[in-house]
């Protein structure tokens, strides 16, 4: 086995194209950049999907940090 364990499964730089393949059925959020700011789509297991609009980057970072602390997986579509 190599020192980093690359021989077992997917390489860290390889990511599936579909968000569902990454998060599976787990609770997650998706950050999308728009002209008006950032839209955060929150998908919690067993609940309806909700969206939040953040006008500033600081507001977006605070919300994503809180969601991560709550155990949700983040996916940043704004960086693509």
N, C-alpha and C. Protein backbone atom coordinates (compact mmCIF):
# COMPACT_ATOMS: atom_id res chain seq x y z
N UNK A 1 0.85 -1.18 0.00
CA UNK A 1 0.00 0.00 0.00
C UNK A 1 0.89 1.24 0.00
N UNK A 2 0.49 2.21 -0.76
CA UNK A 2 1.27 3.44 -0.83
C UNK A 2 1.09 4.25 0.45
N UNK A 3 1.99 5.20 0.72
CA UNK A 3 1.92 5.96 1.97
C UNK A 3 0.61 6.72 2.14
N UNK A 4 0.01 7.16 1.06
CA UNK A 4 -1.24 7.92 1.17
C UNK A 4 -2.47 7.06 1.00
N UNK A 5 -2.31 5.80 0.71
CA UNK A 5 -3.46 4.91 0.57
C UNK A 5 -4.20 5.10 -0.74
N UNK A 6 -3.50 5.56 -1.79
CA UNK A 6 -4.16 5.80 -3.06
C UNK A 6 -4.61 4.51 -3.74
N UNK A 7 -4.03 3.39 -3.35
CA UNK A 7 -4.39 2.13 -4.00
C UNK A 7 -5.78 1.66 -3.62
N UNK A 8 -6.34 2.26 -2.58
CA UNK A 8 -7.68 1.86 -2.14
C UNK A 8 -8.72 2.87 -2.60
N UNK A 9 -9.41 2.59 -3.67
CA UNK A 9 -10.53 3.42 -4.09
C UNK A 9 -10.14 4.64 -4.89
N UNK A 10 -11.01 5.62 -4.87
CA UNK A 10 -10.92 6.81 -5.68
C UNK A 10 -9.82 7.75 -5.18
N UNK A 11 -9.14 8.39 -6.10
CA UNK A 11 -8.11 9.36 -5.77
C UNK A 11 -8.77 10.62 -5.22
N UNK A 12 -8.09 11.36 -4.34
CA UNK A 12 -8.72 12.54 -3.74
C UNK A 12 -9.06 13.63 -4.75
N UNK A 13 -8.36 13.70 -5.86
CA UNK A 13 -8.64 14.74 -6.84
C UNK A 13 -9.72 14.34 -7.83
N UNK A 14 -10.17 13.10 -7.80
CA UNK A 14 -11.25 12.65 -8.67
C UNK A 14 -12.57 12.84 -7.95
N UNK A 15 -13.47 13.61 -8.55
CA UNK A 15 -14.78 13.81 -7.95
C UNK A 15 -15.85 13.49 -8.97
N UNK A 16 -16.92 12.86 -8.53
CA UNK A 16 -18.03 12.58 -9.45
C UNK A 16 -18.65 13.87 -9.97
N UNK A 17 -19.22 13.82 -11.16
CA UNK A 17 -19.82 15.00 -11.76
C UNK A 17 -21.16 15.34 -11.13
N UNK A 18 -21.85 14.36 -10.58
CA UNK A 18 -23.17 14.59 -10.02
C UNK A 18 -23.07 14.80 -8.51
N UNK A 19 -23.78 15.80 -8.01
CA UNK A 19 -23.78 16.11 -6.57
C UNK A 19 -24.30 14.94 -5.76
N UNK A 20 -25.27 14.21 -6.27
CA UNK A 20 -25.84 13.07 -5.55
C UNK A 20 -24.80 11.99 -5.29
N UNK A 21 -23.84 11.83 -6.21
CA UNK A 21 -22.78 10.85 -6.02
C UNK A 21 -21.84 11.25 -4.89
N UNK A 22 -21.69 12.54 -4.66
CA UNK A 22 -20.79 13.03 -3.62
C UNK A 22 -21.43 12.93 -2.24
N UNK A 23 -22.65 13.41 -2.10
CA UNK A 23 -23.27 13.48 -0.78
C UNK A 23 -24.19 12.32 -0.48
N UNK A 24 -24.61 11.58 -1.51
CA UNK A 24 -25.52 10.47 -1.28
C UNK A 24 -26.85 10.97 -0.73
N UNK A 25 -27.34 10.33 0.31
CA UNK A 25 -28.60 10.72 0.92
C UNK A 25 -28.41 11.59 2.15
N UNK A 26 -27.21 12.13 2.34
CA UNK A 26 -26.91 12.91 3.53
C UNK A 26 -27.41 14.34 3.39
N UNK A 27 -27.56 15.02 4.51
CA UNK A 27 -27.93 16.43 4.50
C UNK A 27 -26.77 17.23 3.93
N UNK A 28 -27.09 18.18 3.04
CA UNK A 28 -26.05 18.97 2.40
C UNK A 28 -26.57 20.34 2.00
N UNK A 29 -25.64 21.22 1.64
CA UNK A 29 -26.02 22.52 1.11
C UNK A 29 -25.18 22.82 -0.12
N UNK A 30 -25.74 23.63 -1.02
CA UNK A 30 -25.08 23.99 -2.27
C UNK A 30 -25.02 25.50 -2.36
N UNK A 31 -23.83 26.05 -2.60
CA UNK A 31 -23.63 27.49 -2.72
C UNK A 31 -23.52 27.83 -4.20
N UNK A 32 -24.35 28.77 -4.66
CA UNK A 32 -24.35 29.18 -6.06
C UNK A 32 -24.21 30.70 -6.12
N UNK A 33 -23.31 31.18 -6.95
CA UNK A 33 -23.08 32.62 -7.11
C UNK A 33 -24.05 33.18 -8.15
N UNK A 34 -24.66 34.33 -7.84
CA UNK A 34 -25.54 35.02 -8.78
C UNK A 34 -25.14 36.49 -8.82
N UNK A 35 -25.80 37.25 -9.65
CA UNK A 35 -25.52 38.68 -9.75
C UNK A 35 -25.96 39.41 -8.47
N UNK A 36 -26.95 38.87 -7.77
CA UNK A 36 -27.46 39.51 -6.56
C UNK A 36 -26.73 39.07 -5.30
N UNK A 37 -25.82 38.12 -5.42
CA UNK A 37 -25.10 37.62 -4.25
C UNK A 37 -24.90 36.12 -4.35
N UNK A 38 -25.19 35.43 -3.26
CA UNK A 38 -25.04 33.98 -3.21
C UNK A 38 -26.35 33.36 -2.79
N UNK A 39 -26.71 32.25 -3.44
CA UNK A 39 -27.89 31.48 -3.06
C UNK A 39 -27.40 30.20 -2.42
N UNK A 40 -27.89 29.90 -1.23
CA UNK A 40 -27.53 28.67 -0.54
C UNK A 40 -28.78 27.80 -0.48
N UNK A 41 -28.71 26.65 -1.13
CA UNK A 41 -29.80 25.69 -1.14
C UNK A 41 -29.49 24.65 -0.07
N UNK A 42 -30.39 24.51 0.90
CA UNK A 42 -30.16 23.62 2.04
C UNK A 42 -31.09 22.42 1.92
N UNK A 43 -30.49 21.22 1.87
CA UNK A 43 -31.23 19.97 1.77
C UNK A 43 -30.96 19.15 3.02
N UNK A 44 -31.92 19.14 3.93
CA UNK A 44 -31.80 18.33 5.14
C UNK A 44 -32.65 17.07 4.97
N UNK A 45 -32.10 15.93 5.38
CA UNK A 45 -32.83 14.67 5.26
C UNK A 45 -34.14 14.75 6.03
N UNK A 46 -35.22 14.36 5.36
CA UNK A 46 -36.52 14.32 6.00
C UNK A 46 -37.23 15.65 6.07
N UNK A 47 -36.65 16.71 5.48
CA UNK A 47 -37.27 18.03 5.50
C UNK A 47 -37.34 18.59 4.09
N UNK A 48 -38.14 19.62 3.91
CA UNK A 48 -38.24 20.28 2.61
C UNK A 48 -36.97 21.08 2.33
N UNK A 49 -36.65 21.25 1.07
CA UNK A 49 -35.50 22.04 0.66
C UNK A 49 -35.78 23.51 0.91
N UNK A 50 -34.79 24.22 1.48
CA UNK A 50 -34.95 25.65 1.70
C UNK A 50 -33.80 26.39 1.03
N UNK A 51 -34.04 27.66 0.70
CA UNK A 51 -33.02 28.49 0.07
C UNK A 51 -32.84 29.77 0.87
N UNK A 52 -31.60 30.24 0.91
CA UNK A 52 -31.27 31.50 1.58
C UNK A 52 -30.50 32.35 0.58
N UNK A 53 -30.81 33.63 0.52
CA UNK A 53 -30.09 34.57 -0.32
C UNK A 53 -29.19 35.41 0.56
N UNK A 54 -27.90 35.41 0.27
CA UNK A 54 -26.92 36.19 1.02
C UNK A 54 -26.39 37.29 0.11
N UNK A 55 -26.52 38.55 0.55
CA UNK A 55 -26.09 39.67 -0.28
C UNK A 55 -24.59 39.88 -0.22
N UNK A 56 -23.97 39.58 0.93
CA UNK A 56 -22.53 39.81 1.08
C UNK A 56 -21.78 38.49 1.27
N UNK A 57 -20.49 38.52 0.98
CA UNK A 57 -19.67 37.33 1.14
C UNK A 57 -19.54 36.93 2.61
N UNK A 58 -19.47 37.91 3.49
CA UNK A 58 -19.38 37.63 4.92
C UNK A 58 -20.60 36.90 5.44
N UNK A 59 -21.77 37.34 5.00
CA UNK A 59 -23.02 36.69 5.39
C UNK A 59 -23.06 35.24 4.90
N UNK A 60 -22.59 35.03 3.66
CA UNK A 60 -22.55 33.69 3.08
C UNK A 60 -21.60 32.79 3.86
N UNK A 61 -20.43 33.30 4.21
CA UNK A 61 -19.45 32.51 4.96
C UNK A 61 -19.94 32.15 6.36
N UNK A 62 -20.61 33.09 7.02
CA UNK A 62 -21.17 32.80 8.35
C UNK A 62 -22.21 31.68 8.29
N UNK A 63 -23.09 31.76 7.28
CA UNK A 63 -24.13 30.75 7.15
C UNK A 63 -23.54 29.38 6.79
N UNK A 64 -22.58 29.33 5.87
CA UNK A 64 -21.99 28.05 5.50
C UNK A 64 -21.20 27.45 6.66
N UNK A 65 -20.55 28.30 7.45
CA UNK A 65 -19.82 27.80 8.63
C UNK A 65 -20.80 27.20 9.64
N UNK A 66 -21.94 27.87 9.84
CA UNK A 66 -22.95 27.35 10.77
C UNK A 66 -23.52 26.02 10.28
N UNK A 67 -23.79 25.93 8.97
CA UNK A 67 -24.32 24.68 8.42
C UNK A 67 -23.30 23.56 8.53
N UNK A 68 -22.03 23.87 8.30
CA UNK A 68 -20.98 22.85 8.45
C UNK A 68 -20.86 22.39 9.89
N UNK A 69 -20.97 23.33 10.83
CA UNK A 69 -20.93 22.98 12.24
C UNK A 69 -22.12 22.10 12.64
N UNK A 70 -23.24 22.28 11.94
CA UNK A 70 -24.43 21.47 12.20
C UNK A 70 -24.32 20.08 11.57
N UNK A 71 -23.25 19.82 10.79
CA UNK A 71 -23.03 18.51 10.23
C UNK A 71 -23.42 18.34 8.77
N UNK A 72 -23.77 19.40 8.09
CA UNK A 72 -24.13 19.30 6.68
C UNK A 72 -22.87 19.32 5.82
N UNK A 73 -22.95 18.67 4.66
CA UNK A 73 -21.86 18.65 3.71
C UNK A 73 -22.05 19.80 2.73
N UNK A 74 -20.98 20.56 2.48
CA UNK A 74 -21.08 21.71 1.57
C UNK A 74 -20.57 21.42 0.19
N UNK A 75 -21.23 21.98 -0.80
CA UNK A 75 -20.81 21.87 -2.20
C UNK A 75 -20.85 23.28 -2.77
N UNK A 76 -19.71 23.77 -3.26
CA UNK A 76 -19.60 25.13 -3.75
C UNK A 76 -19.66 25.13 -5.27
N UNK A 77 -20.81 25.50 -5.81
CA UNK A 77 -20.97 25.59 -7.26
C UNK A 77 -20.44 26.93 -7.76
N UNK A 78 -20.21 27.88 -6.87
CA UNK A 78 -19.72 29.21 -7.26
C UNK A 78 -18.28 29.15 -7.73
N UNK A 79 -17.51 28.17 -7.31
CA UNK A 79 -16.10 28.10 -7.68
C UNK A 79 -15.86 27.37 -8.98
N UNK A 80 -16.86 26.81 -9.58
CA UNK A 80 -16.69 26.06 -10.83
C UNK A 80 -16.60 26.97 -12.01
